[in-house]
Amino acid sequence: MGDMNFWDWLAWFSLGSIVVWGILKVTGVINTPLLLQYYPLFAASYAVGWQMNKLSDMSLEFKRFRSETVKKIHNIELNCAKNH
């Protein structure tokens, strides 16, 4: 959690607020007009977009890792070929 940025905090806040909203709605504390009932959908759609962005970033990290690993293995193969 040390490398969380503003958008990560906002996404976690959105998810947490959906949970709190759901508990308050089920217990009858919240009796909202129809427009405000759609709040969890907006928060959830933000959270989904945030997660898609995180997955995209992770995919790029894996591709970079793969490329670097292939280069290192190739260098090891060249060094082994030179020594024989």
Protein backbone atom coordinates (compact mmCIF):
# COMPACT_ATOMS: atom_id res chain seq x y z
CA MET A 1 0.00 0.00 0.00
CA GLY A 2 3.03 2.28 0.13
CA ASP A 3 2.92 3.13 -3.57
CA MET A 4 -0.75 4.10 -3.75
CA ASN A 5 -1.49 7.34 -5.57
CA PHE A 6 -4.49 9.67 -5.46
CA TRP A 7 -6.48 7.58 -7.95
CA ASP A 8 -5.93 4.40 -5.94
CA TRP A 9 -7.20 6.13 -2.80
CA LEU A 10 -10.18 7.48 -4.73
CA ALA A 11 -11.04 4.01 -6.02
CA TRP A 12 -10.81 2.45 -2.56
CA PHE A 13 -12.94 5.27 -1.20
CA SER A 14 -15.52 4.59 -3.93
CA LEU A 15 -15.61 0.89 -3.13
CA GLY A 16 -15.85 1.55 0.61
CA SER A 17 -18.62 4.06 0.14
CA ILE A 18 -20.61 1.50 -1.87
CA VAL A 19 -20.37 -0.91 1.05
CA VAL A 20 -21.40 1.75 3.57
CA TRP A 21 -24.21 2.92 1.29
CA GLY A 22 -25.44 -0.65 0.88
CA ILE A 23 -25.48 -1.28 4.63
CA LEU A 24 -27.32 1.99 5.30
CA LYS A 25 -29.78 1.31 2.48
CA VAL A 26 -30.56 -2.23 3.67
CA THR A 27 -31.04 -1.10 7.26
CA GLY A 28 -33.43 1.62 6.12
CA VAL A 29 -31.30 4.55 7.27
CA ILE A 30 -31.12 5.90 3.73
CA ASN A 31 -34.35 6.69 1.91
CA THR A 32 -33.13 8.48 -1.18
CA PRO A 33 -34.73 9.81 -4.33
CA LEU A 34 -34.28 7.73 -7.47
CA LEU A 35 -31.37 9.83 -8.80
CA LEU A 36 -29.28 9.24 -5.69
CA GLN A 37 -30.01 5.54 -5.80
CA TYR A 38 -27.77 5.34 -8.85
CA TYR A 39 -24.73 6.55 -6.89
CA PRO A 40 -23.32 3.04 -6.36
CA LEU A 41 -23.45 2.43 -10.11
CA PHE A 42 -21.34 5.52 -10.74
CA ALA A 43 -18.88 4.58 -8.01
CA ALA A 44 -18.68 1.00 -9.25
CA SER A 45 -18.10 2.11 -12.84
CA TYR A 46 -15.21 4.28 -11.65
CA ALA A 47 -13.78 1.33 -9.71
CA VAL A 48 -14.05 -0.90 -12.78
CA GLY A 49 -12.23 1.68 -14.90
CA TRP A 50 -9.55 2.00 -12.22
CA GLN A 51 -9.07 -1.76 -12.15
CA MET A 52 -8.85 -1.94 -15.95
CA ASN A 53 -6.16 0.73 -15.86
CA LYS A 54 -4.24 -1.21 -13.19
CA LEU A 55 -4.45 -4.39 -15.27
CA SER A 56 -3.23 -2.53 -18.34
CA ASP A 57 -0.27 -1.15 -16.39
CA MET A 58 0.51 -4.62 -15.07
CA SER A 59 0.37 -6.04 -18.59
CA LEU A 60 2.94 -3.48 -19.74
CA GLU A 61 5.16 -4.38 -16.76
CA PHE A 62 4.97 -8.07 -17.67
CA LYS A 63 5.85 -7.33 -21.30
CA ARG A 64 8.83 -5.24 -20.21
CA PHE A 65 9.92 -7.98 -17.79
CA ARG A 66 9.64 -10.59 -20.55
CA SER A 67 11.70 -8.50 -22.94
CA GLU A 68 14.43 -7.90 -20.36
CA THR A 69 14.48 -11.59 -19.42
CA VAL A 70 14.83 -12.66 -23.06
CA LYS A 71 17.76 -10.24 -23.48
CA LYS A 72 19.49 -11.57 -20.36
CA ILE A 73 19.03 -15.18 -21.45
CA HIS A 74 20.38 -14.32 -24.89
CA ASN A 75 23.46 -12.72 -23.31
CA ILE A 76 24.00 -15.82 -21.16
CA GLU A 77 23.72 -18.03 -24.24
CA LEU A 78 26.28 -15.87 -26.07
CA ASN A 79 28.68 -16.05 -23.10
CA CYS A 80 28.29 -19.84 -22.93
CA ALA A 81 28.92 -20.15 -26.67
CA LYS A 82 32.11 -18.04 -26.40
CA ASN A 83 33.45 -20.18 -23.57
CA HIS A 84 33.06 -23.45 -25.48
